[in-house]
Amino acid sequence: MSWLFFMDESGHDHKQCPYEVRGGVALHVKELWRFVKAMRLFEEHAFGCRLASYGKELKGSTLLDRKRFKFARQDELMPDNDHQRHARAFLEKSQKRITPPP
């Protein structure tokens, strides 16, 4: 049997993340491609694009930092298409090194 083991984001930075982040995934080799495709679909649904197009990647320390929770609590949930549009706008501004307003 062939198994793949990954470990990432283990530990806590004690600065930005409000939660301890520990993660581990064990996948059988034949399940790897299905997992990769599912993660790509999740990424495209959440952000409306592939983060790699903007030189970014999914990281627990980024997605779970205090600012993200503060931003999420600011208002009601927005429809997926609006959320995706705003996410892409932030990514595009980041790529052009444009700082969003406070």
PDB file of N, CA and C in Angstrom:
ATOM      1  N   MET A   1       0.833  -1.184   0.000  1.00  0.00           N
ATOM      2  CA  MET A   1       0.000   0.000   0.000  1.00  0.00           C
ATOM      3  C   MET A   1       0.876   1.245   0.000  1.00  0.00           C
ATOM      4  N   SER A   2       0.485   2.204  -0.774  1.00  0.00           N
ATOM      5  CA  SER A   2       1.212   3.470  -0.836  1.00  0.00           C
ATOM      6  C   SER A   2       0.374   4.573  -0.207  1.00  0.00           C
ATOM      7  N   TRP A   3       0.916   5.203   0.804  1.00  0.00           N
ATOM      8  CA  TRP A   3       0.239   6.306   1.484  1.00  0.00           C
ATOM      9  C   TRP A   3       1.113   7.539   1.404  1.00  0.00           C
ATOM     10  N   LEU A   4       0.500   8.677   1.281  1.00  0.00           N
ATOM     11  CA  LEU A   4       1.205   9.950   1.302  1.00  0.00           C
ATOM     12  C   LEU A   4       0.830  10.673   2.584  1.00  0.00           C
ATOM     13  N   PHE A   5       1.806  11.238   3.257  1.00  0.00           N
ATOM     14  CA  PHE A   5       1.554  11.974   4.481  1.00  0.00           C
ATOM     15  C   PHE A   5       2.045  13.399   4.308  1.00  0.00           C
ATOM     16  N   PHE A   6       1.224  14.355   4.703  1.00  0.00           N
ATOM     17  CA  PHE A   6       1.583  15.759   4.637  1.00  0.00           C
ATOM     18  C   PHE A   6       1.392  16.377   6.003  1.00  0.00           C
ATOM     19  N   MET A   7       2.248  17.284   6.368  1.00  0.00           N
ATOM     20  CA  MET A   7       2.054  18.045   7.603  1.00  0.00           C
ATOM     21  C   MET A   7       2.452  19.470   7.286  1.00  0.00           C
ATOM     22  N   ASP A   8       1.565  20.397   7.632  1.00  0.00           N
ATOM     23  CA  ASP A   8       1.841  21.803   7.349  1.00  0.00           C
ATOM     24  C   ASP A   8       1.196  22.642   8.435  1.00  0.00           C
ATOM     25  N   GLU A   9       1.742  23.821   8.639  1.00  0.00           N
ATOM     26  CA  GLU A   9       1.180  24.789   9.573  1.00  0.00           C
ATOM     27  C   GLU A   9       1.129  24.281  11.010  1.00  0.00           C
ATOM     28  N   SER A  10       2.050  23.442  11.369  1.00  0.00           N
ATOM     29  CA  SER A  10       2.050  22.929  12.718  1.00  0.00           C
ATOM     30  C   SER A  10       2.558  23.992  13.682  1.00  0.00           C
ATOM     31  N   GLY A  11       1.847  24.184  14.765  1.00  0.00           N
ATOM     32  CA  GLY A  11       2.302  25.139  15.766  1.00  0.00           C
ATOM     33  C   GLY A  11       1.444  26.379  15.825  1.00  0.00           C
ATOM     34  N   HIS A  12       1.999  27.406  16.411  1.00  0.00           N
ATOM     35  CA  HIS A  12       1.267  28.654  16.640  1.00  0.00           C
ATOM     36  C   HIS A  12       2.265  29.792  16.627  1.00  0.00           C
ATOM     37  N   ASP A  13       1.917  30.886  15.962  1.00  0.00           N
ATOM     38  CA  ASP A  13       2.857  32.012  15.910  1.00  0.00           C
ATOM     39  C   ASP A  13       2.735  32.936  17.117  1.00  0.00           C
ATOM     40  N   HIS A  14       1.668  32.786  17.900  1.00  0.00           N
ATOM     41  CA  HIS A  14       1.426  33.594  19.100  1.00  0.00           C
ATOM     42  C   HIS A  14       1.386  35.094  18.812  1.00  0.00           C
ATOM     43  N   LYS A  15       1.114  35.459  17.543  1.00  0.00           N
ATOM     44  CA  LYS A  15       1.021  36.871  17.172  1.00  0.00           C
ATOM     45  C   LYS A  15      -0.266  37.132  16.402  1.00  0.00           C
ATOM     46  N   GLN A  16      -0.400  36.541  15.228  1.00  0.00           N
ATOM     47  CA  GLN A  16      -1.510  36.848  14.327  1.00  0.00           C
ATOM     48  C   GLN A  16      -2.693  35.899  14.438  1.00  0.00           C
ATOM     49  N   CYS A  17      -2.447  34.618  14.629  1.00  0.00           N
ATOM     50  CA  CYS A  17      -3.524  33.626  14.613  1.00  0.00           C
ATOM     51  C   CYS A  17      -4.203  33.512  15.968  1.00  0.00           C
ATOM     52  N   PRO A  18      -5.531  33.647  15.989  1.00  0.00           N
ATOM     53  CA  PRO A  18      -6.227  33.513  17.259  1.00  0.00           C
ATOM     54  C   PRO A  18      -6.389  32.057  17.694  1.00  0.00           C
ATOM     55  N   TYR A  19      -6.119  31.114  16.799  1.00  0.00           N
ATOM     56  CA  TYR A  19      -6.300  29.701  17.108  1.00  0.00           C
ATOM     57  C   TYR A  19      -5.022  28.925  16.824  1.00  0.00           C
ATOM     58  N   GLU A  20      -4.857  27.865  17.554  1.00  0.00           N
ATOM     59  CA  GLU A  20      -3.751  26.929  17.298  1.00  0.00           C
ATOM     60  C   GLU A  20      -4.046  26.221  15.979  1.00  0.00           C
ATOM     61  N   VAL A  21      -3.078  26.149  15.106  1.00  0.00           N
ATOM     62  CA  VAL A  21      -3.273  25.502  13.813  1.00  0.00           C
ATOM     63  C   VAL A  21      -2.399  24.265  13.753  1.00  0.00           C
ATOM     64  N   ARG A  22      -3.024  23.127  13.652  1.00  0.00           N
ATOM     65  CA  ARG A  22      -2.315  21.861  13.478  1.00  0.00           C
ATOM     66  C   ARG A  22      -3.064  21.101  12.397  1.00  0.00           C
ATOM     67  N   GLY A  23      -2.332  20.555  11.506  1.00  0.00           N
ATOM     68  CA  GLY A  23      -3.011  19.828  10.445  1.00  0.00           C
ATOM     69  C   GLY A  23      -2.202  18.651   9.972  1.00  0.00           C
ATOM     70  N   GLY A  24      -2.887  17.628   9.635  1.00  0.00           N
ATOM     71  CA  GLY A  24      -2.242  16.459   9.073  1.00  0.00           C
ATOM     72  C   GLY A  24      -3.223  15.730   8.188  1.00  0.00           C
ATOM     73  N   VAL A  25      -2.740  15.266   7.070  1.00  0.00           N
ATOM     74  CA  VAL A  25      -3.587  14.544   6.135  1.00  0.00           C
ATOM     75  C   VAL A  25      -2.833  13.316   5.669  1.00  0.00           C
ATOM     76  N   ALA A  26      -3.494  12.183   5.708  1.00  0.00           N
ATOM     77  CA  ALA A  26      -2.934  10.953   5.147  1.00  0.00           C
ATOM     78  C   ALA A  26      -3.862  10.514   4.026  1.00  0.00           C
ATOM     79  N   LEU A  27      -3.314  10.386   2.848  1.00  0.00           N
ATOM     80  CA  LEU A  27      -4.118   9.990   1.692  1.00  0.00           C
ATOM     81  C   LEU A  27      -3.492   8.772   1.034  1.00  0.00           C
ATOM     82  N   HIS A  28      -4.345   7.865   0.616  1.00  0.00           N
ATOM     83  CA  HIS A  28      -3.860   6.776  -0.216  1.00  0.00           C
ATOM     84  C   HIS A  28      -3.517   7.378  -1.567  1.00  0.00           C
ATOM     85  N   VAL A  29      -2.482   6.888  -2.197  1.00  0.00           N
ATOM     86  CA  VAL A  29      -2.005   7.451  -3.454  1.00  0.00           C
ATOM     87  C   VAL A  29      -3.122   7.561  -4.491  1.00  0.00           C
ATOM     88  N   LYS A  30      -3.980   6.568  -4.568  1.00  0.00           N
ATOM     89  CA  LYS A  30      -5.026   6.610  -5.593  1.00  0.00           C
ATOM     90  C   LYS A  30      -6.080   7.677  -5.311  1.00  0.00           C
ATOM     91  N   GLU A  31      -6.108   8.251  -4.105  1.00  0.00           N
ATOM     92  CA  GLU A  31      -7.049   9.310  -3.755  1.00  0.00           C
ATOM     93  C   GLU A  31      -6.465  10.711  -3.936  1.00  0.00           C
ATOM     94  N   LEU A  32      -5.170  10.795  -4.203  1.00  0.00           N
ATOM     95  CA  LEU A  32      -4.503  12.088  -4.254  1.00  0.00           C
ATOM     96  C   LEU A  32      -5.095  13.016  -5.312  1.00  0.00           C
ATOM     97  N   TRP A  33      -5.271  12.538  -6.533  1.00  0.00           N
ATOM     98  CA  TRP A  33      -5.757  13.403  -7.605  1.00  0.00           C
ATOM     99  C   TRP A  33      -7.181  13.894  -7.316  1.00  0.00           C
ATOM    100  N   ARG A  34      -8.029  13.026  -6.757  1.00  0.00           N
ATOM    101  CA  ARG A  34      -9.384  13.431  -6.395  1.00  0.00           C
ATOM    102  C   ARG A  34      -9.331  14.551  -5.342  1.00  0.00           C
ATOM    103  N   PHE A  35      -8.424  14.426  -4.375  1.00  0.00           N
ATOM    104  CA  PHE A  35      -8.254  15.457  -3.350  1.00  0.00           C
ATOM    105  C   PHE A  35      -7.788  16.775  -3.968  1.00  0.00           C
ATOM    106  N   VAL A  36      -6.819  16.713  -4.860  1.00  0.00           N
ATOM    107  CA  VAL A  36      -6.297  17.920  -5.522  1.00  0.00           C
ATOM    108  C   VAL A  36      -7.412  18.615  -6.301  1.00  0.00           C
ATOM    109  N   LYS A  37      -8.194  17.852  -7.035  1.00  0.00           N
ATOM    110  CA  LYS A  37      -9.291  18.446  -7.809  1.00  0.00           C
ATOM    111  C   LYS A  37     -10.333  19.074  -6.890  1.00  0.00           C
ATOM    112  N   ALA A  38     -10.640  18.417  -5.777  1.00  0.00           N
ATOM    113  CA  ALA A  38     -11.620  18.967  -4.834  1.00  0.00           C
ATOM    114  C   ALA A  38     -11.103  20.262  -4.215  1.00  0.00           C
ATOM    115  N   MET A  39      -9.825  20.321  -3.890  1.00  0.00           N
ATOM    116  CA  MET A  39      -9.251  21.551  -3.330  1.00  0.00           C
ATOM    117  C   MET A  39      -9.269  22.678  -4.353  1.00  0.00           C
ATOM    118  N   ARG A  40      -9.024  22.359  -5.616  1.00  0.00           N
ATOM    119  CA  ARG A  40      -9.096  23.383  -6.658  1.00  0.00           C
ATOM    120  C   ARG A  40     -10.510  23.925  -6.797  1.00  0.00           C
ATOM    121  N   LEU A  41     -11.500  23.033  -6.744  1.00  0.00           N
ATOM    122  CA  LEU A  41     -12.900  23.480  -6.817  1.00  0.00           C
ATOM    123  C   LEU A  41     -13.253  24.362  -5.626  1.00  0.00           C
ATOM    124  N   PHE A  42     -12.802  23.965  -4.440  1.00  0.00           N
ATOM    125  CA  PHE A  42     -13.045  24.772  -3.246  1.00  0.00           C
ATOM    126  C   PHE A  42     -12.429  26.157  -3.408  1.00  0.00           C
ATOM    127  N   GLU A  43     -11.194  26.195  -3.871  1.00  0.00           N
ATOM    128  CA  GLU A  43     -10.480  27.468  -4.063  1.00  0.00           C
ATOM    129  C   GLU A  43     -11.219  28.356  -5.055  1.00  0.00           C
ATOM    130  N   GLU A  44     -11.646  27.779  -6.172  1.00  0.00           N
ATOM    131  CA  GLU A  44     -12.363  28.560  -7.177  1.00  0.00           C
ATOM    132  C   GLU A  44     -13.724  29.027  -6.660  1.00  0.00           C
ATOM    133  N   HIS A  45     -14.380  28.205  -5.851  1.00  0.00           N
ATOM    134  CA  HIS A  45     -15.664  28.615  -5.278  1.00  0.00           C
ATOM    135  C   HIS A  45     -15.464  29.729  -4.246  1.00  0.00           C
ATOM    136  N   ALA A  46     -14.457  29.598  -3.411  1.00  0.00           N
ATOM    137  CA  ALA A  46     -14.232  30.573  -2.341  1.00  0.00           C
ATOM    138  C   ALA A  46     -13.723  31.905  -2.872  1.00  0.00           C
ATOM    139  N   PHE A  47     -12.826  31.873  -3.860  1.00  0.00           N
ATOM    140  CA  PHE A  47     -12.174  33.094  -4.321  1.00  0.00           C
ATOM    141  C   PHE A  47     -12.565  33.510  -5.737  1.00  0.00           C
ATOM    142  N   GLY A  48     -13.244  32.640  -6.454  1.00  0.00           N
ATOM    143  CA  GLY A  48     -13.634  32.956  -7.820  1.00  0.00           C
ATOM    144  C   GLY A  48     -12.491  32.855  -8.804  1.00  0.00           C
ATOM    145  N   CYS A  49     -11.393  32.253  -8.372  1.00  0.00           N
ATOM    146  CA  CYS A  49     -10.217  32.116  -9.233  1.00  0.00           C
ATOM    147  C   CYS A  49      -9.248  31.136  -8.572  1.00  0.00           C
ATOM    148  N   ARG A  50      -8.170  30.841  -9.270  1.00  0.00           N
ATOM    149  CA  ARG A  50      -7.089  30.043  -8.686  1.00  0.00           C
ATOM    150  C   ARG A  50      -6.083  31.013  -8.069  1.00  0.00           C
ATOM    151  N   LEU A  51      -5.751  30.825  -6.817  1.00  0.00           N
ATOM    152  CA  LEU A  51      -4.827  31.724  -6.128  1.00  0.00           C
ATOM    153  C   LEU A  51      -3.446  31.728  -6.774  1.00  0.00           C
ATOM    154  N   ALA A  52      -3.054  30.608  -7.348  1.00  0.00           N
ATOM    155  CA  ALA A  52      -1.744  30.529  -8.002  1.00  0.00           C
ATOM    156  C   ALA A  52      -1.621  31.558  -9.121  1.00  0.00           C
ATOM    157  N   SER A  53      -2.731  31.945  -9.719  1.00  0.00           N
ATOM    158  CA  SER A  53      -2.716  32.970 -10.775  1.00  0.00           C
ATOM    159  C   SER A  53      -2.202  34.303 -10.254  1.00  0.00           C
ATOM    160  N   TYR A  54      -2.297  34.486  -8.932  1.00  0.00           N
ATOM    161  CA  TYR A  54      -1.858  35.730  -8.301  1.00  0.00           C
ATOM    162  C   TYR A  54      -0.616  35.518  -7.433  1.00  0.00           C
ATOM    163  N   GLY A  55       0.026  34.354  -7.579  1.00  0.00           N
ATOM    164  CA  GLY A  55       1.226  34.065  -6.786  1.00  0.00           C
ATOM    165  C   GLY A  55       0.915  33.807  -5.321  1.00  0.00           C
ATOM    166  N   LYS A  56      -0.309  33.371  -5.025  1.00  0.00           N
ATOM    167  CA  LYS A  56      -0.734  33.102  -3.647  1.00  0.00           C
ATOM    168  C   LYS A  56      -1.022  31.622  -3.472  1.00  0.00           C
ATOM    169  N   GLU A  57      -1.157  31.198  -2.211  1.00  0.00           N
ATOM    170  CA  GLU A  57      -1.530  29.824  -1.920  1.00  0.00           C
ATOM    171  C   GLU A  57      -2.398  29.791  -0.669  1.00  0.00           C
ATOM    172  N   LEU A  58      -3.173  28.726  -0.519  1.00  0.00           N
ATOM    173  CA  LEU A  58      -3.978  28.554   0.683  1.00  0.00           C
ATOM    174  C   LEU A  58      -3.051  28.246   1.845  1.00  0.00           C
ATOM    175  N   LYS A  59      -3.108  29.052   2.892  1.00  0.00           N
ATOM    176  CA  LYS A  59      -2.291  28.829   4.079  1.00  0.00           C
ATOM    177  C   LYS A  59      -3.149  29.088   5.306  1.00  0.00           C
ATOM    178  N   GLY A  60      -3.092  28.187   6.236  1.00  0.00           N
ATOM    179  CA  GLY A  60      -3.860  28.340   7.463  1.00  0.00           C
ATOM    180  C   GLY A  60      -3.511  29.609   8.208  1.00  0.00           C
ATOM    181  N   SER A  61      -2.226  29.946   8.254  1.00  0.00           N
ATOM    182  CA  SER A  61      -1.812  31.136   9.012  1.00  0.00           C
ATOM    183  C   SER A  61      -2.353  32.419   8.396  1.00  0.00           C
ATOM    184  N   THR A  62      -2.616  32.413   7.102  1.00  0.00           N
ATOM    185  CA  THR A  62      -3.190  33.583   6.442  1.00  0.00           C
ATOM    186  C   THR A  62      -4.708  33.600   6.588  1.00  0.00           C
ATOM    187  N   LEU A  63      -5.328  32.464   6.336  1.00  0.00           N
ATOM    188  CA  LEU A  63      -6.787  32.398   6.382  1.00  0.00           C
ATOM    189  C   LEU A  63      -7.339  32.532   7.795  1.00  0.00           C
ATOM    190  N   LEU A  64      -6.543  32.197   8.796  1.00  0.00           N
ATOM    191  CA  LEU A  64      -7.033  32.207  10.170  1.00  0.00           C
ATOM    192  C   LEU A  64      -6.462  33.337  11.015  1.00  0.00           C
ATOM    193  N   ASP A  65      -5.868  34.365  10.393  1.00  0.00           N
ATOM    194  CA  ASP A  65      -5.330  35.421  11.240  1.00  0.00           C
ATOM    195  C   ASP A  65      -6.447  36.335  11.751  1.00  0.00           C
ATOM    196  N   ARG A  66      -6.147  37.107  12.752  1.00  0.00           N
ATOM    197  CA  ARG A  66      -7.160  37.916  13.444  1.00  0.00           C
ATOM    198  C   ARG A  66      -7.896  38.882  12.503  1.00  0.00           C
ATOM    199  N   LYS A  67      -7.188  39.458  11.536  1.00  0.00           N
ATOM    200  CA  LYS A  67      -7.834  40.407  10.615  1.00  0.00           C
ATOM    201  C   LYS A  67      -8.985  39.752   9.862  1.00  0.00           C
ATOM    202  N   ARG A  68      -8.791  38.515   9.436  1.00  0.00           N
ATOM    203  CA  ARG A  68      -9.831  37.829   8.658  1.00  0.00           C
ATOM    204  C   ARG A  68     -11.109  37.668   9.484  1.00  0.00           C
ATOM    205  N   PHE A  69     -10.952  37.331  10.767  1.00  0.00           N
ATOM    206  CA  PHE A  69     -12.120  37.170  11.631  1.00  0.00           C
ATOM    207  C   PHE A  69     -12.786  38.523  11.873  1.00  0.00           C
ATOM    208  N   LYS A  70     -11.987  39.554  12.030  1.00  0.00           N
ATOM    209  CA  LYS A  70     -12.533  40.906  12.229  1.00  0.00           C
ATOM    210  C   LYS A  70     -13.319  41.338  10.990  1.00  0.00           C
ATOM    211  N   PHE A  71     -12.744  41.128   9.795  1.00  0.00           N
ATOM    212  CA  PHE A  71     -13.425  41.491   8.556  1.00  0.00           C
ATOM    213  C   PHE A  71     -14.720  40.696   8.399  1.00  0.00           C
ATOM    214  N   ALA A  72     -14.681  39.421   8.748  1.00  0.00           N
ATOM    215  CA  ALA A  72     -15.849  38.551   8.567  1.00  0.00           C
ATOM    216  C   ALA A  72     -17.012  38.981   9.453  1.00  0.00           C
ATOM    217  N   ARG A  73     -16.714  39.574  10.600  1.00  0.00           N
ATOM    218  CA  ARG A  73     -17.771  39.991  11.527  1.00  0.00           C
ATOM    219  C   ARG A  73     -18.333  41.380  11.210  1.00  0.00           C
ATOM    220  N   GLN A  74     -17.770  42.074  10.244  1.00  0.00           N
ATOM    221  CA  GLN A  74     -18.177  43.453   9.974  1.00  0.00           C
ATOM    222  C   GLN A  74     -19.596  43.585   9.458  1.00  0.00           C
ATOM    223  N   ASP A  75     -20.055  42.642   8.708  1.00  0.00           N
ATOM    224  CA  ASP A  75     -21.347  42.796   8.056  1.00  0.00           C
ATOM    225  C   ASP A  75     -21.980  41.425   7.862  1.00  0.00           C
ATOM    226  N   GLU A  76     -23.144  41.416   7.254  1.00  0.00           N
ATOM    227  CA  GLU A  76     -23.827  40.161   6.957  1.00  0.00           C
ATOM    228  C   GLU A  76     -23.074  39.404   5.861  1.00  0.00           C
ATOM    229  N   LEU A  77     -23.356  38.114   5.762  1.00  0.00           N
ATOM    230  CA  LEU A  77     -22.764  37.325   4.688  1.00  0.00           C
ATOM    231  C   LEU A  77     -23.227  37.868   3.349  1.00  0.00           C
ATOM    232  N   MET A  78     -22.336  37.836   2.374  1.00  0.00           N
ATOM    233  CA  MET A  78     -22.698  38.328   1.052  1.00  0.00           C
ATOM    234  C   MET A  78     -22.842  37.144   0.094  1.00  0.00           C
ATOM    235  N   PRO A  79     -23.558  37.325  -0.979  1.00  0.00           N
ATOM    236  CA  PRO A  79     -23.715  36.255  -1.964  1.00  0.00           C
ATOM    237  C   PRO A  79     -22.349  35.821  -2.519  1.00  0.00           C
ATOM    238  N   ASP A  80     -22.260  34.559  -2.921  1.00  0.00           N
ATOM    239  CA  ASP A  80     -20.995  34.011  -3.405  1.00  0.00           C
ATOM    240  C   ASP A  80     -20.379  34.839  -4.533  1.00  0.00           C
ATOM    241  N   ASN A  81     -21.201  35.254  -5.508  1.00  0.00           N
ATOM    242  CA  ASN A  81     -20.620  35.983  -6.644  1.00  0.00           C
ATOM    243  C   ASN A  81     -20.036  37.329  -6.206  1.00  0.00           C
ATOM    244  N   ASP A  82     -20.671  38.001  -5.228  1.00  0.00           N
ATOM    245  CA  ASP A  82     -20.107  39.255  -4.708  1.00  0.00           C
ATOM    246  C   ASP A  82     -18.819  38.980  -3.939  1.00  0.00           C
ATOM    247  N   HIS A  83     -18.852  37.946  -3.131  1.00  0.00           N
ATOM    248  CA  HIS A  83     -17.664  37.578  -2.354  1.00  0.00           C
ATOM    249  C   HIS A  83     -16.486  37.283  -3.285  1.00  0.00           C
ATOM    250  N   GLN A  84     -16.733  36.520  -4.331  1.00  0.00           N
ATOM    251  CA  GLN A  84     -15.681  36.178  -5.289  1.00  0.00           C
ATOM    252  C   GLN A  84     -15.149  37.418  -5.997  1.00  0.00           C
ATOM    253  N   ARG A  85     -16.047  38.301  -6.374  1.00  0.00           N
ATOM    254  CA  ARG A  85     -15.637  39.537  -7.071  1.00  0.00           C
ATOM    255  C   ARG A  85     -14.734  40.381  -6.172  1.00  0.00           C
ATOM    256  N   HIS A  86     -15.109  40.522  -4.900  1.00  0.00           N
ATOM    257  CA  HIS A  86     -14.302  41.305  -3.970  1.00  0.00           C
ATOM    258  C   HIS A  86     -12.963  40.614  -3.678  1.00  0.00           C
ATOM    259  N   ALA A  87     -12.983  39.300  -3.562  1.00  0.00           N
ATOM    260  CA  ALA A  87     -11.733  38.557  -3.325  1.00  0.00           C
ATOM    261  C   ALA A  87     -10.766  38.764  -4.492  1.00  0.00           C
ATOM    262  N   ARG A  88     -11.277  38.658  -5.716  1.00  0.00           N
ATOM    263  CA  ARG A  88     -10.419  38.877  -6.888  1.00  0.00           C
ATOM    264  C   ARG A  88      -9.894  40.313  -6.931  1.00  0.00           C
ATOM    265  N   ALA A  89     -10.728  41.275  -6.554  1.00  0.00           N
ATOM    266  CA  ALA A  89     -10.284  42.677  -6.538  1.00  0.00           C
ATOM    267  C   ALA A  89      -9.124  42.862  -5.566  1.00  0.00           C
ATOM    268  N   PHE A  90      -9.219  42.249  -4.362  1.00  0.00           N
ATOM    269  CA  PHE A  90      -8.114  42.335  -3.406  1.00  0.00           C
ATOM    270  C   PHE A  90      -6.861  41.684  -3.960  1.00  0.00           C
ATOM    271  N   LEU A  91      -7.022  40.519  -4.602  1.00  0.00           N
ATOM    272  CA  LEU A  91      -5.862  39.821  -5.165  1.00  0.00           C
ATOM    273  C   LEU A  91      -5.206  40.648  -6.276  1.00  0.00           C
ATOM    274  N   GLU A  92      -6.023  41.268  -7.118  1.00  0.00           N
ATOM    275  CA  GLU A  92      -5.491  42.091  -8.201  1.00  0.00           C
ATOM    276  C   GLU A  92      -4.766  43.316  -7.657  1.00  0.00           C
ATOM    277  N   LYS A  93      -5.344  43.949  -6.635  1.00  0.00           N
ATOM    278  CA  LYS A  93      -4.685  45.115  -6.032  1.00  0.00           C
ATOM    279  C   LYS A  93      -3.384  44.706  -5.345  1.00  0.00           C
ATOM    280  N   SER A  94      -3.394  43.553  -4.716  1.00  0.00           N
ATOM    281  CA  SER A  94      -2.184  43.051  -4.066  1.00  0.00           C
ATOM    282  C   SER A  94      -1.089  42.799  -5.096  1.00  0.00           C
ATOM    283  N   GLN A  95      -1.480  42.225  -6.216  1.00  0.00           N
ATOM    284  CA  GLN A  95      -0.509  41.941  -7.276  1.00  0.00           C
ATOM    285  C   GLN A  95       0.093  43.234  -7.835  1.00  0.00           C
ATOM    286  N   LYS A  96      -0.708  44.297  -7.882  1.00  0.00           N
ATOM    287  CA  LYS A  96      -0.242  45.589  -8.381  1.00  0.00           C
ATOM    288  C   LYS A  96       0.357  46.448  -7.264  1.00  0.00           C
ATOM    289  N   ARG A  97       0.404  45.873  -6.054  1.00  0.00           N
ATOM    290  CA  ARG A  97       0.936  46.546  -4.860  1.00  0.00           C
ATOM    291  C   ARG A  97       0.154  47.802  -4.502  1.00  0.00           C
ATOM    292  N   ILE A  98      -1.170  47.733  -4.701  1.00  0.00           N
ATOM    293  CA  ILE A  98      -2.064  48.821  -4.320  1.00  0.00           C
ATOM    294  C   ILE A  98      -2.630  48.477  -2.948  1.00  0.00           C
ATOM    295  N   THR A  99      -2.447  49.347  -1.977  1.00  0.00           N
ATOM    296  CA  THR A  99      -2.949  49.099  -0.628  1.00  0.00           C
ATOM    297  C   THR A  99      -4.429  49.458  -0.561  1.00  0.00           C
ATOM    298  N   PRO A 100      -5.276  48.509  -0.116  1.00  0.00           N
ATOM    299  CA  PRO A 100      -6.695  48.842   0.007  1.00  0.00           C
ATOM    300  C   PRO A 100      -6.914  49.872   1.122  1.00  0.00           C
ATOM    301  N   PRO A 101      -7.991  50.664   1.008  1.00  0.00           N
ATOM    302  CA  PRO A 101      -8.264  51.657   2.047  1.00  0.00           C
ATOM    303  C   PRO A 101      -8.576  50.973   3.384  1.00  0.00           C
ATOM    304  N   PRO A 102      -8.323  51.647   4.494  1.00  0.00           N
ATOM    305  CA  PRO A 102      -8.576  51.038   5.825  1.00  0.00           C
ATOM    306  C   PRO A 102     -10.047  50.822   6.085  1.00  0.00           C
TER     307      PRO A 102
END
